[in-house]
PDBML (XML) file of the C-alpha atoms, coordinates in Angstrom:
<?xml version="1.0" encoding="UTF-8" ?>
<PDBx:datablock datablockName="MODEL"
   xmlns:PDBx="http://pdbml.pdb.org/schema/pdbx-v50.xsd"
   xmlns:xsi="http://www.w3.org/2001/XMLSchema-instance"
   xsi:schemaLocation="http://pdbml.pdb.org/schema/pdbx-v50.xsd pdbx-v50.xsd">
   <PDBx:atom_siteCategory>
      <PDBx:atom_site id="1">
         <PDBx:B_iso_or_equiv>0.00</PDBx:B_iso_or_equiv>
         <PDBx:Cartn_x>-29.443</PDBx:Cartn_x>
         <PDBx:Cartn_y>-46.129</PDBx:Cartn_y>
         <PDBx:Cartn_z>24.268</PDBx:Cartn_z>
         <PDBx:auth_asym_id>A</PDBx:auth_asym_id>
         <PDBx:auth_atom_id>CA</PDBx:auth_atom_id>
         <PDBx:auth_comp_id>ASP</PDBx:auth_comp_id>
         <PDBx:auth_seq_id>1</PDBx:auth_seq_id>
         <PDBx:group_PDB>ATOM</PDBx:group_PDB>
         <PDBx:label_alt_id xsi:nil="true" />
         <PDBx:label_asym_id>A</PDBx:label_asym_id>
         <PDBx:label_atom_id>CA</PDBx:label_atom_id>
         <PDBx:label_comp_id>ASP</PDBx:label_comp_id>
         <PDBx:label_entity_id>1</PDBx:label_entity_id>
         <PDBx:label_seq_id>1</PDBx:label_seq_id>
         <PDBx:occupancy>1.00</PDBx:occupancy>
         <PDBx:pdbx_PDB_model_num>1</PDBx:pdbx_PDB_model_num>
         <PDBx:type_symbol>C</PDBx:type_symbol>
      </PDBx:atom_site>
      <PDBx:atom_site id="2">
         <PDBx:B_iso_or_equiv>0.00</PDBx:B_iso_or_equiv>
         <PDBx:Cartn_x>-29.554</PDBx:Cartn_x>
         <PDBx:Cartn_y>-48.549</PDBx:Cartn_y>
         <PDBx:Cartn_z>21.340</PDBx:Cartn_z>
         <PDBx:auth_asym_id>A</PDBx:auth_asym_id>
         <PDBx:auth_atom_id>CA</PDBx:auth_atom_id>
         <PDBx:auth_comp_id>ALA</PDBx:auth_comp_id>
         <PDBx:auth_seq_id>2</PDBx:auth_seq_id>
         <PDBx:group_PDB>ATOM</PDBx:group_PDB>
         <PDBx:label_alt_id xsi:nil="true" />
         <PDBx:label_asym_id>A</PDBx:label_asym_id>
         <PDBx:label_atom_id>CA</PDBx:label_atom_id>
         <PDBx:label_comp_id>ALA</PDBx:label_comp_id>
         <PDBx:label_entity_id>1</PDBx:label_entity_id>
         <PDBx:label_seq_id>2</PDBx:label_seq_id>
         <PDBx:occupancy>1.00</PDBx:occupancy>
         <PDBx:pdbx_PDB_model_num>1</PDBx:pdbx_PDB_model_num>
         <PDBx:type_symbol>C</PDBx:type_symbol>
      </PDBx:atom_site>
      <PDBx:atom_site id="3">
         <PDBx:B_iso_or_equiv>0.00</PDBx:B_iso_or_equiv>
         <PDBx:Cartn_x>-27.029</PDBx:Cartn_x>
         <PDBx:Cartn_y>-51.417</PDBx:Cartn_y>
         <PDBx:Cartn_z>21.445</PDBx:Cartn_z>
         <PDBx:auth_asym_id>A</PDBx:auth_asym_id>
         <PDBx:auth_atom_id>CA</PDBx:auth_atom_id>
         <PDBx:auth_comp_id>PRO</PDBx:auth_comp_id>
         <PDBx:auth_seq_id>3</PDBx:auth_seq_id>
         <PDBx:group_PDB>ATOM</PDBx:group_PDB>
         <PDBx:label_alt_id xsi:nil="true" />
         <PDBx:label_asym_id>A</PDBx:label_asym_id>
         <PDBx:label_atom_id>CA</PDBx:label_atom_id>
         <PDBx:label_comp_id>PRO</PDBx:label_comp_id>
         <PDBx:label_entity_id>1</PDBx:label_entity_id>
         <PDBx:label_seq_id>3</PDBx:label_seq_id>
         <PDBx:occupancy>1.00</PDBx:occupancy>
         <PDBx:pdbx_PDB_model_num>1</PDBx:pdbx_PDB_model_num>
         <PDBx:type_symbol>C</PDBx:type_symbol>
      </PDBx:atom_site>
      <PDBx:atom_site id="4">
         <PDBx:B_iso_or_equiv>0.00</PDBx:B_iso_or_equiv>
         <PDBx:Cartn_x>-26.941</PDBx:Cartn_x>
         <PDBx:Cartn_y>-53.847</PDBx:Cartn_y>
         <PDBx:Cartn_z>18.523</PDBx:Cartn_z>
         <PDBx:auth_asym_id>A</PDBx:auth_asym_id>
         <PDBx:auth_atom_id>CA</PDBx:auth_atom_id>
         <PDBx:auth_comp_id>ASN</PDBx:auth_comp_id>
         <PDBx:auth_seq_id>4</PDBx:auth_seq_id>
         <PDBx:group_PDB>ATOM</PDBx:group_PDB>
         <PDBx:label_alt_id xsi:nil="true" />
         <PDBx:label_asym_id>A</PDBx:label_asym_id>
         <PDBx:label_atom_id>CA</PDBx:label_atom_id>
         <PDBx:label_comp_id>ASN</PDBx:label_comp_id>
         <PDBx:label_entity_id>1</PDBx:label_entity_id>
         <PDBx:label_seq_id>4</PDBx:label_seq_id>
         <PDBx:occupancy>1.00</PDBx:occupancy>
         <PDBx:pdbx_PDB_model_num>1</PDBx:pdbx_PDB_model_num>
         <PDBx:type_symbol>C</PDBx:type_symbol>
      </PDBx:atom_site>
      <PDBx:atom_site id="5">
         <PDBx:B_iso_or_equiv>0.00</PDBx:B_iso_or_equiv>
         <PDBx:Cartn_x>-26.782</PDBx:Cartn_x>
         <PDBx:Cartn_y>-57.561</PDBx:Cartn_y>
         <PDBx:Cartn_z>19.300</PDBx:Cartn_z>
         <PDBx:auth_asym_id>A</PDBx:auth_asym_id>
         <PDBx:auth_atom_id>CA</PDBx:auth_atom_id>
         <PDBx:auth_comp_id>THR</PDBx:auth_comp_id>
         <PDBx:auth_seq_id>5</PDBx:auth_seq_id>
         <PDBx:group_PDB>ATOM</PDBx:group_PDB>
         <PDBx:label_alt_id xsi:nil="true" />
         <PDBx:label_asym_id>A</PDBx:label_asym_id>
         <PDBx:label_atom_id>CA</PDBx:label_atom_id>
         <PDBx:label_comp_id>THR</PDBx:label_comp_id>
         <PDBx:label_entity_id>1</PDBx:label_entity_id>
         <PDBx:label_seq_id>5</PDBx:label_seq_id>
         <PDBx:occupancy>1.00</PDBx:occupancy>
         <PDBx:pdbx_PDB_model_num>1</PDBx:pdbx_PDB_model_num>
         <PDBx:type_symbol>C</PDBx:type_symbol>
      </PDBx:atom_site>
      <PDBx:atom_site id="6">
         <PDBx:B_iso_or_equiv>0.00</PDBx:B_iso_or_equiv>
         <PDBx:Cartn_x>-28.391</PDBx:Cartn_x>
         <PDBx:Cartn_y>-60.761</PDBx:Cartn_y>
         <PDBx:Cartn_z>18.122</PDBx:Cartn_z>
         <PDBx:auth_asym_id>A</PDBx:auth_asym_id>
         <PDBx:auth_atom_id>CA</PDBx:auth_atom_id>
         <PDBx:auth_comp_id>ILE</PDBx:auth_comp_id>
         <PDBx:auth_seq_id>6</PDBx:auth_seq_id>
         <PDBx:group_PDB>ATOM</PDBx:group_PDB>
         <PDBx:label_alt_id xsi:nil="true" />
         <PDBx:label_asym_id>A</PDBx:label_asym_id>
         <PDBx:label_atom_id>CA</PDBx:label_atom_id>
         <PDBx:label_comp_id>ILE</PDBx:label_comp_id>
         <PDBx:label_entity_id>1</PDBx:label_entity_id>
         <PDBx:label_seq_id>6</PDBx:label_seq_id>
         <PDBx:occupancy>1.00</PDBx:occupancy>
         <PDBx:pdbx_PDB_model_num>1</PDBx:pdbx_PDB_model_num>
         <PDBx:type_symbol>C</PDBx:type_symbol>
      </PDBx:atom_site>
      <PDBx:atom_site id="7">
         <PDBx:B_iso_or_equiv>0.00</PDBx:B_iso_or_equiv>
         <PDBx:Cartn_x>-29.471</PDBx:Cartn_x>
         <PDBx:Cartn_y>-61.295</PDBx:Cartn_y>
         <PDBx:Cartn_z>21.745</PDBx:Cartn_z>
         <PDBx:auth_asym_id>A</PDBx:auth_asym_id>
         <PDBx:auth_atom_id>CA</PDBx:auth_atom_id>
         <PDBx:auth_comp_id>ALA</PDBx:auth_comp_id>
         <PDBx:auth_seq_id>7</PDBx:auth_seq_id>
         <PDBx:group_PDB>ATOM</PDBx:group_PDB>
         <PDBx:label_alt_id xsi:nil="true" />
         <PDBx:label_asym_id>A</PDBx:label_asym_id>
         <PDBx:label_atom_id>CA</PDBx:label_atom_id>
         <PDBx:label_comp_id>ALA</PDBx:label_comp_id>
         <PDBx:label_entity_id>1</PDBx:label_entity_id>
         <PDBx:label_seq_id>7</PDBx:label_seq_id>
         <PDBx:occupancy>1.00</PDBx:occupancy>
         <PDBx:pdbx_PDB_model_num>1</PDBx:pdbx_PDB_model_num>
         <PDBx:type_symbol>C</PDBx:type_symbol>
      </PDBx:atom_site>
      <PDBx:atom_site id="8">
         <PDBx:B_iso_or_equiv>0.00</PDBx:B_iso_or_equiv>
         <PDBx:Cartn_x>-32.551</PDBx:Cartn_x>
         <PDBx:Cartn_y>-59.084</PDBx:Cartn_y>
         <PDBx:Cartn_z>21.374</PDBx:Cartn_z>
         <PDBx:auth_asym_id>A</PDBx:auth_asym_id>
         <PDBx:auth_atom_id>CA</PDBx:auth_atom_id>
         <PDBx:auth_comp_id>ASP</PDBx:auth_comp_id>
         <PDBx:auth_seq_id>8</PDBx:auth_seq_id>
         <PDBx:group_PDB>ATOM</PDBx:group_PDB>
         <PDBx:label_alt_id xsi:nil="true" />
         <PDBx:label_asym_id>A</PDBx:label_asym_id>
         <PDBx:label_atom_id>CA</PDBx:label_atom_id>
         <PDBx:label_comp_id>ASP</PDBx:label_comp_id>
         <PDBx:label_entity_id>1</PDBx:label_entity_id>
         <PDBx:label_seq_id>8</PDBx:label_seq_id>
         <PDBx:occupancy>1.00</PDBx:occupancy>
         <PDBx:pdbx_PDB_model_num>1</PDBx:pdbx_PDB_model_num>
         <PDBx:type_symbol>C</PDBx:type_symbol>
      </PDBx:atom_site>
      <PDBx:atom_site id="9">
         <PDBx:B_iso_or_equiv>0.00</PDBx:B_iso_or_equiv>
         <PDBx:Cartn_x>-33.763</PDBx:Cartn_x>
         <PDBx:Cartn_y>-59.719</PDBx:Cartn_y>
         <PDBx:Cartn_z>24.916</PDBx:Cartn_z>
         <PDBx:auth_asym_id>A</PDBx:auth_asym_id>
         <PDBx:auth_atom_id>CA</PDBx:auth_atom_id>
         <PDBx:auth_comp_id>GLY</PDBx:auth_comp_id>
         <PDBx:auth_seq_id>9</PDBx:auth_seq_id>
         <PDBx:group_PDB>ATOM</PDBx:group_PDB>
         <PDBx:label_alt_id xsi:nil="true" />
         <PDBx:label_asym_id>A</PDBx:label_asym_id>
         <PDBx:label_atom_id>CA</PDBx:label_atom_id>
         <PDBx:label_comp_id>GLY</PDBx:label_comp_id>
         <PDBx:label_entity_id>1</PDBx:label_entity_id>
         <PDBx:label_seq_id>9</PDBx:label_seq_id>
         <PDBx:occupancy>1.00</PDBx:occupancy>
         <PDBx:pdbx_PDB_model_num>1</PDBx:pdbx_PDB_model_num>
         <PDBx:type_symbol>C</PDBx:type_symbol>
      </PDBx:atom_site>
      <PDBx:atom_site id="10">
         <PDBx:B_iso_or_equiv>0.00</PDBx:B_iso_or_equiv>
         <PDBx:Cartn_x>-30.595</PDBx:Cartn_x>
         <PDBx:Cartn_y>-58.213</PDBx:Cartn_y>
         <PDBx:Cartn_z>26.432</PDBx:Cartn_z>
         <PDBx:auth_asym_id>A</PDBx:auth_asym_id>
         <PDBx:auth_atom_id>CA</PDBx:auth_atom_id>
         <PDBx:auth_comp_id>LEU</PDBx:auth_comp_id>
         <PDBx:auth_seq_id>10</PDBx:auth_seq_id>
         <PDBx:group_PDB>ATOM</PDBx:group_PDB>
         <PDBx:label_alt_id xsi:nil="true" />
         <PDBx:label_asym_id>A</PDBx:label_asym_id>
         <PDBx:label_atom_id>CA</PDBx:label_atom_id>
         <PDBx:label_comp_id>LEU</PDBx:label_comp_id>
         <PDBx:label_entity_id>1</PDBx:label_entity_id>
         <PDBx:label_seq_id>10</PDBx:label_seq_id>
         <PDBx:occupancy>1.00</PDBx:occupancy>
         <PDBx:pdbx_PDB_model_num>1</PDBx:pdbx_PDB_model_num>
         <PDBx:type_symbol>C</PDBx:type_symbol>
      </PDBx:atom_site>
      <PDBx:atom_site id="11">
         <PDBx:B_iso_or_equiv>0.00</PDBx:B_iso_or_equiv>
         <PDBx:Cartn_x>-30.561</PDBx:Cartn_x>
         <PDBx:Cartn_y>-54.763</PDBx:Cartn_y>
         <PDBx:Cartn_z>24.820</PDBx:Cartn_z>
         <PDBx:auth_asym_id>A</PDBx:auth_asym_id>
         <PDBx:auth_atom_id>CA</PDBx:auth_atom_id>
         <PDBx:auth_comp_id>LYS</PDBx:auth_comp_id>
         <PDBx:auth_seq_id>11</PDBx:auth_seq_id>
         <PDBx:group_PDB>ATOM</PDBx:group_PDB>
         <PDBx:label_alt_id xsi:nil="true" />
         <PDBx:label_asym_id>A</PDBx:label_asym_id>
         <PDBx:label_atom_id>CA</PDBx:label_atom_id>
         <PDBx:label_comp_id>LYS</PDBx:label_comp_id>
         <PDBx:label_entity_id>1</PDBx:label_entity_id>
         <PDBx:label_seq_id>11</PDBx:label_seq_id>
         <PDBx:occupancy>1.00</PDBx:occupancy>
         <PDBx:pdbx_PDB_model_num>1</PDBx:pdbx_PDB_model_num>
         <PDBx:type_symbol>C</PDBx:type_symbol>
      </PDBx:atom_site>
      <PDBx:atom_site id="12">
         <PDBx:B_iso_or_equiv>0.00</PDBx:B_iso_or_equiv>
         <PDBx:Cartn_x>-32.043</PDBx:Cartn_x>
         <PDBx:Cartn_y>-52.809</PDBx:Cartn_y>
         <PDBx:Cartn_z>27.727</PDBx:Cartn_z>
         <PDBx:auth_asym_id>A</PDBx:auth_asym_id>
         <PDBx:auth_atom_id>CA</PDBx:auth_atom_id>
         <PDBx:auth_comp_id>VAL</PDBx:auth_comp_id>
         <PDBx:auth_seq_id>12</PDBx:auth_seq_id>
         <PDBx:group_PDB>ATOM</PDBx:group_PDB>
         <PDBx:label_alt_id xsi:nil="true" />
         <PDBx:label_asym_id>A</PDBx:label_asym_id>
         <PDBx:label_atom_id>CA</PDBx:label_atom_id>
         <PDBx:label_comp_id>VAL</PDBx:label_comp_id>
         <PDBx:label_entity_id>1</PDBx:label_entity_id>
         <PDBx:label_seq_id>12</PDBx:label_seq_id>
         <PDBx:occupancy>1.00</PDBx:occupancy>
         <PDBx:pdbx_PDB_model_num>1</PDBx:pdbx_PDB_model_num>
         <PDBx:type_symbol>C</PDBx:type_symbol>
      </PDBx:atom_site>
      <PDBx:atom_site id="13">
         <PDBx:B_iso_or_equiv>0.00</PDBx:B_iso_or_equiv>
         <PDBx:Cartn_x>-30.056</PDBx:Cartn_x>
         <PDBx:Cartn_y>-51.035</PDBx:Cartn_y>
         <PDBx:Cartn_z>30.473</PDBx:Cartn_z>
         <PDBx:auth_asym_id>A</PDBx:auth_asym_id>
         <PDBx:auth_atom_id>CA</PDBx:auth_atom_id>
         <PDBx:auth_comp_id>PRO</PDBx:auth_comp_id>
         <PDBx:auth_seq_id>13</PDBx:auth_seq_id>
         <PDBx:group_PDB>ATOM</PDBx:group_PDB>
         <PDBx:label_alt_id xsi:nil="true" />
         <PDBx:label_asym_id>A</PDBx:label_asym_id>
         <PDBx:label_atom_id>CA</PDBx:label_atom_id>
         <PDBx:label_comp_id>PRO</PDBx:label_comp_id>
         <PDBx:label_entity_id>1</PDBx:label_entity_id>
         <PDBx:label_seq_id>13</PDBx:label_seq_id>
         <PDBx:occupancy>1.00</PDBx:occupancy>
         <PDBx:pdbx_PDB_model_num>1</PDBx:pdbx_PDB_model_num>
         <PDBx:type_symbol>C</PDBx:type_symbol>
      </PDBx:atom_site>
      <PDBx:atom_site id="14">
         <PDBx:B_iso_or_equiv>0.00</PDBx:B_iso_or_equiv>
         <PDBx:Cartn_x>-29.979</PDBx:Cartn_x>
         <PDBx:Cartn_y>-51.622</PDBx:Cartn_y>
         <PDBx:Cartn_z>34.212</PDBx:Cartn_z>
         <PDBx:auth_asym_id>A</PDBx:auth_asym_id>
         <PDBx:auth_atom_id>CA</PDBx:auth_atom_id>
         <PDBx:auth_comp_id>LEU</PDBx:auth_comp_id>
         <PDBx:auth_seq_id>14</PDBx:auth_seq_id>
         <PDBx:group_PDB>ATOM</PDBx:group_PDB>
         <PDBx:label_alt_id xsi:nil="true" />
         <PDBx:label_asym_id>A</PDBx:label_asym_id>
         <PDBx:label_atom_id>CA</PDBx:label_atom_id>
         <PDBx:label_comp_id>LEU</PDBx:label_comp_id>
         <PDBx:label_entity_id>1</PDBx:label_entity_id>
         <PDBx:label_seq_id>14</PDBx:label_seq_id>
         <PDBx:occupancy>1.00</PDBx:occupancy>
         <PDBx:pdbx_PDB_model_num>1</PDBx:pdbx_PDB_model_num>
         <PDBx:type_symbol>C</PDBx:type_symbol>
      </PDBx:atom_site>
      <PDBx:atom_site id="15">
         <PDBx:B_iso_or_equiv>0.00</PDBx:B_iso_or_equiv>
         <PDBx:Cartn_x>-32.199</PDBx:Cartn_x>
         <PDBx:Cartn_y>-49.445</PDBx:Cartn_y>
         <PDBx:Cartn_z>36.404</PDBx:Cartn_z>
         <PDBx:auth_asym_id>A</PDBx:auth_asym_id>
         <PDBx:auth_atom_id>CA</PDBx:auth_atom_id>
         <PDBx:auth_comp_id>LYS</PDBx:auth_comp_id>
         <PDBx:auth_seq_id>15</PDBx:auth_seq_id>
         <PDBx:group_PDB>ATOM</PDBx:group_PDB>
         <PDBx:label_alt_id xsi:nil="true" />
         <PDBx:label_asym_id>A</PDBx:label_asym_id>
         <PDBx:label_atom_id>CA</PDBx:label_atom_id>
         <PDBx:label_comp_id>LYS</PDBx:label_comp_id>
         <PDBx:label_entity_id>1</PDBx:label_entity_id>
         <PDBx:label_seq_id>15</PDBx:label_seq_id>
         <PDBx:occupancy>1.00</PDBx:occupancy>
         <PDBx:pdbx_PDB_model_num>1</PDBx:pdbx_PDB_model_num>
         <PDBx:type_symbol>C</PDBx:type_symbol>
      </PDBx:atom_site>
      <PDBx:atom_site id="16">
         <PDBx:B_iso_or_equiv>0.00</PDBx:B_iso_or_equiv>
         <PDBx:Cartn_x>-31.947</PDBx:Cartn_x>
         <PDBx:Cartn_y>-48.408</PDBx:Cartn_y>
         <PDBx:Cartn_z>40.052</PDBx:Cartn_z>
         <PDBx:auth_asym_id>A</PDBx:auth_asym_id>
         <PDBx:auth_atom_id>CA</PDBx:auth_atom_id>
         <PDBx:auth_comp_id>GLU</PDBx:auth_comp_id>
         <PDBx:auth_seq_id>16</PDBx:auth_seq_id>
         <PDBx:group_PDB>ATOM</PDBx:group_PDB>
         <PDBx:label_alt_id xsi:nil="true" />
         <PDBx:label_asym_id>A</PDBx:label_asym_id>
         <PDBx:label_atom_id>CA</PDBx:label_atom_id>
         <PDBx:label_comp_id>GLU</PDBx:label_comp_id>
         <PDBx:label_entity_id>1</PDBx:label_entity_id>
         <PDBx:label_seq_id>16</PDBx:label_seq_id>
         <PDBx:occupancy>1.00</PDBx:occupancy>
         <PDBx:pdbx_PDB_model_num>1</PDBx:pdbx_PDB_model_num>
         <PDBx:type_symbol>C</PDBx:type_symbol>
      </PDBx:atom_site>
      <PDBx:atom_site id="17">
         <PDBx:B_iso_or_equiv>0.00</PDBx:B_iso_or_equiv>
         <PDBx:Cartn_x>-33.694</PDBx:Cartn_x>
         <PDBx:Cartn_y>-51.444</PDBx:Cartn_y>
         <PDBx:Cartn_z>41.541</PDBx:Cartn_z>
         <PDBx:auth_asym_id>A</PDBx:auth_asym_id>
         <PDBx:auth_atom_id>CA</PDBx:auth_atom_id>
         <PDBx:auth_comp_id>LEU</PDBx:auth_comp_id>
         <PDBx:auth_seq_id>17</PDBx:auth_seq_id>
         <PDBx:group_PDB>ATOM</PDBx:group_PDB>
         <PDBx:label_alt_id xsi:nil="true" />
         <PDBx:label_asym_id>A</PDBx:label_asym_id>
         <PDBx:label_atom_id>CA</PDBx:label_atom_id>
         <PDBx:label_comp_id>LEU</PDBx:label_comp_id>
         <PDBx:label_entity_id>1</PDBx:label_entity_id>
         <PDBx:label_seq_id>17</PDBx:label_seq_id>
         <PDBx:occupancy>1.00</PDBx:occupancy>
         <PDBx:pdbx_PDB_model_num>1</PDBx:pdbx_PDB_model_num>
         <PDBx:type_symbol>C</PDBx:type_symbol>
      </PDBx:atom_site>
      <PDBx:atom_site id="18">
         <PDBx:B_iso_or_equiv>0.00</PDBx:B_iso_or_equiv>
         <PDBx:Cartn_x>-31.855</PDBx:Cartn_x>
         <PDBx:Cartn_y>-54.064</PDBx:Cartn_y>
         <PDBx:Cartn_z>39.503</PDBx:Cartn_z>
         <PDBx:auth_asym_id>A</PDBx:auth_asym_id>
         <PDBx:auth_atom_id>CA</PDBx:auth_atom_id>
         <PDBx:auth_comp_id>THR</PDBx:auth_comp_id>
         <PDBx:auth_seq_id>18</PDBx:auth_seq_id>
         <PDBx:group_PDB>ATOM</PDBx:group_PDB>
         <PDBx:label_alt_id xsi:nil="true" />
         <PDBx:label_asym_id>A</PDBx:label_asym_id>
         <PDBx:label_atom_id>CA</PDBx:label_atom_id>
         <PDBx:label_comp_id>THR</PDBx:label_comp_id>
         <PDBx:label_entity_id>1</PDBx:label_entity_id>
         <PDBx:label_seq_id>18</PDBx:label_seq_id>
         <PDBx:occupancy>1.00</PDBx:occupancy>
         <PDBx:pdbx_PDB_model_num>1</PDBx:pdbx_PDB_model_num>
         <PDBx:type_symbol>C</PDBx:type_symbol>
      </PDBx:atom_site>
      <PDBx:atom_site id="19">
         <PDBx:B_iso_or_equiv>0.00</PDBx:B_iso_or_equiv>
         <PDBx:Cartn_x>-28.560</PDBx:Cartn_x>
         <PDBx:Cartn_y>-52.217</PDBx:Cartn_y>
         <PDBx:Cartn_z>40.024</PDBx:Cartn_z>
         <PDBx:auth_asym_id>A</PDBx:auth_asym_id>
         <PDBx:auth_atom_id>CA</PDBx:auth_atom_id>
         <PDBx:auth_comp_id>TRP</PDBx:auth_comp_id>
         <PDBx:auth_seq_id>19</PDBx:auth_seq_id>
         <PDBx:group_PDB>ATOM</PDBx:group_PDB>
         <PDBx:label_alt_id xsi:nil="true" />
         <PDBx:label_asym_id>A</PDBx:label_asym_id>
         <PDBx:label_atom_id>CA</PDBx:label_atom_id>
         <PDBx:label_comp_id>TRP</PDBx:label_comp_id>
         <PDBx:label_entity_id>1</PDBx:label_entity_id>
         <PDBx:label_seq_id>19</PDBx:label_seq_id>
         <PDBx:occupancy>1.00</PDBx:occupancy>
         <PDBx:pdbx_PDB_model_num>1</PDBx:pdbx_PDB_model_num>
         <PDBx:type_symbol>C</PDBx:type_symbol>
      </PDBx:atom_site>
      <PDBx:atom_site id="20">
         <PDBx:B_iso_or_equiv>0.00</PDBx:B_iso_or_equiv>
         <PDBx:Cartn_x>-29.108</PDBx:Cartn_x>
         <PDBx:Cartn_y>-52.625</PDBx:Cartn_y>
         <PDBx:Cartn_z>43.776</PDBx:Cartn_z>
         <PDBx:auth_asym_id>A</PDBx:auth_asym_id>
         <PDBx:auth_atom_id>CA</PDBx:auth_atom_id>
         <PDBx:auth_comp_id>HIS</PDBx:auth_comp_id>
         <PDBx:auth_seq_id>20</PDBx:auth_seq_id>
         <PDBx:group_PDB>ATOM</PDBx:group_PDB>
         <PDBx:label_alt_id xsi:nil="true" />
         <PDBx:label_asym_id>A</PDBx:label_asym_id>
         <PDBx:label_atom_id>CA</PDBx:label_atom_id>
         <PDBx:label_comp_id>HIS</PDBx:label_comp_id>
         <PDBx:label_entity_id>1</PDBx:label_entity_id>
         <PDBx:label_seq_id>20</PDBx:label_seq_id>
         <PDBx:occupancy>1.00</PDBx:occupancy>
         <PDBx:pdbx_PDB_model_num>1</PDBx:pdbx_PDB_model_num>
         <PDBx:type_symbol>C</PDBx:type_symbol>
      </PDBx:atom_site>
      <PDBx:atom_site id="21">
         <PDBx:B_iso_or_equiv>0.00</PDBx:B_iso_or_equiv>
         <PDBx:Cartn_x>-29.058</PDBx:Cartn_x>
         <PDBx:Cartn_y>-56.416</PDBx:Cartn_y>
         <PDBx:Cartn_z>43.398</PDBx:Cartn_z>
         <PDBx:auth_asym_id>A</PDBx:auth_asym_id>
         <PDBx:auth_atom_id>CA</PDBx:auth_atom_id>
         <PDBx:auth_comp_id>PHE</PDBx:auth_comp_id>
         <PDBx:auth_seq_id>21</PDBx:auth_seq_id>
         <PDBx:group_PDB>ATOM</PDBx:group_PDB>
         <PDBx:label_alt_id xsi:nil="true" />
         <PDBx:label_asym_id>A</PDBx:label_asym_id>
         <PDBx:label_atom_id>CA</PDBx:label_atom_id>
         <PDBx:label_comp_id>PHE</PDBx:label_comp_id>
         <PDBx:label_entity_id>1</PDBx:label_entity_id>
         <PDBx:label_seq_id>21</PDBx:label_seq_id>
         <PDBx:occupancy>1.00</PDBx:occupancy>
         <PDBx:pdbx_PDB_model_num>1</PDBx:pdbx_PDB_model_num>
         <PDBx:type_symbol>C</PDBx:type_symbol>
      </PDBx:atom_site>
      <PDBx:atom_site id="22">
         <PDBx:B_iso_or_equiv>0.00</PDBx:B_iso_or_equiv>
         <PDBx:Cartn_x>-26.295</PDBx:Cartn_x>
         <PDBx:Cartn_y>-56.528</PDBx:Cartn_y>
         <PDBx:Cartn_z>40.779</PDBx:Cartn_z>
         <PDBx:auth_asym_id>A</PDBx:auth_asym_id>
         <PDBx:auth_atom_id>CA</PDBx:auth_atom_id>
         <PDBx:auth_comp_id>VAL</PDBx:auth_comp_id>
         <PDBx:auth_seq_id>22</PDBx:auth_seq_id>
         <PDBx:group_PDB>ATOM</PDBx:group_PDB>
         <PDBx:label_alt_id xsi:nil="true" />
         <PDBx:label_asym_id>A</PDBx:label_asym_id>
         <PDBx:label_atom_id>CA</PDBx:label_atom_id>
         <PDBx:label_comp_id>VAL</PDBx:label_comp_id>
         <PDBx:label_entity_id>1</PDBx:label_entity_id>
         <PDBx:label_seq_id>22</PDBx:label_seq_id>
         <PDBx:occupancy>1.00</PDBx:occupancy>
         <PDBx:pdbx_PDB_model_num>1</PDBx:pdbx_PDB_model_num>
         <PDBx:type_symbol>C</PDBx:type_symbol>
      </PDBx:atom_site>
      <PDBx:atom_site id="23">
         <PDBx:B_iso_or_equiv>0.00</PDBx:B_iso_or_equiv>
         <PDBx:Cartn_x>-23.942</PDBx:Cartn_x>
         <PDBx:Cartn_y>-54.267</PDBx:Cartn_y>
         <PDBx:Cartn_z>42.744</PDBx:Cartn_z>
         <PDBx:auth_asym_id>A</PDBx:auth_asym_id>
         <PDBx:auth_atom_id>CA</PDBx:auth_atom_id>
         <PDBx:auth_comp_id>SER</PDBx:auth_comp_id>
         <PDBx:auth_seq_id>23</PDBx:auth_seq_id>
         <PDBx:group_PDB>ATOM</PDBx:group_PDB>
         <PDBx:label_alt_id xsi:nil="true" />
         <PDBx:label_asym_id>A</PDBx:label_asym_id>
         <PDBx:label_atom_id>CA</PDBx:label_atom_id>
         <PDBx:label_comp_id>SER</PDBx:label_comp_id>
         <PDBx:label_entity_id>1</PDBx:label_entity_id>
         <PDBx:label_seq_id>23</PDBx:label_seq_id>
         <PDBx:occupancy>1.00</PDBx:occupancy>
         <PDBx:pdbx_PDB_model_num>1</PDBx:pdbx_PDB_model_num>
         <PDBx:type_symbol>C</PDBx:type_symbol>
      </PDBx:atom_site>
      <PDBx:atom_site id="24">
         <PDBx:B_iso_or_equiv>0.00</PDBx:B_iso_or_equiv>
         <PDBx:Cartn_x>-24.517</PDBx:Cartn_x>
         <PDBx:Cartn_y>-56.094</PDBx:Cartn_y>
         <PDBx:Cartn_z>46.024</PDBx:Cartn_z>
         <PDBx:auth_asym_id>A</PDBx:auth_asym_id>
         <PDBx:auth_atom_id>CA</PDBx:auth_atom_id>
         <PDBx:auth_comp_id>ASN</PDBx:auth_comp_id>
         <PDBx:auth_seq_id>24</PDBx:auth_seq_id>
         <PDBx:group_PDB>ATOM</PDBx:group_PDB>
         <PDBx:label_alt_id xsi:nil="true" />
         <PDBx:label_asym_id>A</PDBx:label_asym_id>
         <PDBx:label_atom_id>CA</PDBx:label_atom_id>
         <PDBx:label_comp_id>ASN</PDBx:label_comp_id>
         <PDBx:label_entity_id>1</PDBx:label_entity_id>
         <PDBx:label_seq_id>24</PDBx:label_seq_id>
         <PDBx:occupancy>1.00</PDBx:occupancy>
         <PDBx:pdbx_PDB_model_num>1</PDBx:pdbx_PDB_model_num>
         <PDBx:type_symbol>C</PDBx:type_symbol>
      </PDBx:atom_site>
      <PDBx:atom_site id="25">
         <PDBx:B_iso_or_equiv>0.00</PDBx:B_iso_or_equiv>
         <PDBx:Cartn_x>-24.768</PDBx:Cartn_x>
         <PDBx:Cartn_y>-59.764</PDBx:Cartn_y>
         <PDBx:Cartn_z>45.052</PDBx:Cartn_z>
         <PDBx:auth_asym_id>A</PDBx:auth_asym_id>
         <PDBx:auth_atom_id>CA</PDBx:auth_atom_id>
         <PDBx:auth_comp_id>HIS</PDBx:auth_comp_id>
         <PDBx:auth_seq_id>25</PDBx:auth_seq_id>
         <PDBx:group_PDB>ATOM</PDBx:group_PDB>
         <PDBx:label_alt_id xsi:nil="true" />
         <PDBx:label_asym_id>A</PDBx:label_asym_id>
         <PDBx:label_atom_id>CA</PDBx:label_atom_id>
         <PDBx:label_comp_id>HIS</PDBx:label_comp_id>
         <PDBx:label_entity_id>1</PDBx:label_entity_id>
         <PDBx:label_seq_id>25</PDBx:label_seq_id>
         <PDBx:occupancy>1.00</PDBx:occupancy>
         <PDBx:pdbx_PDB_model_num>1</PDBx:pdbx_PDB_model_num>
         <PDBx:type_symbol>C</PDBx:type_symbol>
      </PDBx:atom_site>
   </PDBx:atom_siteCategory>
</PDBx:datablock>
């Protein structure tokens, strides 16, 4: 829900559509 990292652009979680590409490719 709320990760803490200096990489502020990478704090959001995967969703269904992006998971499709990540899990397959």
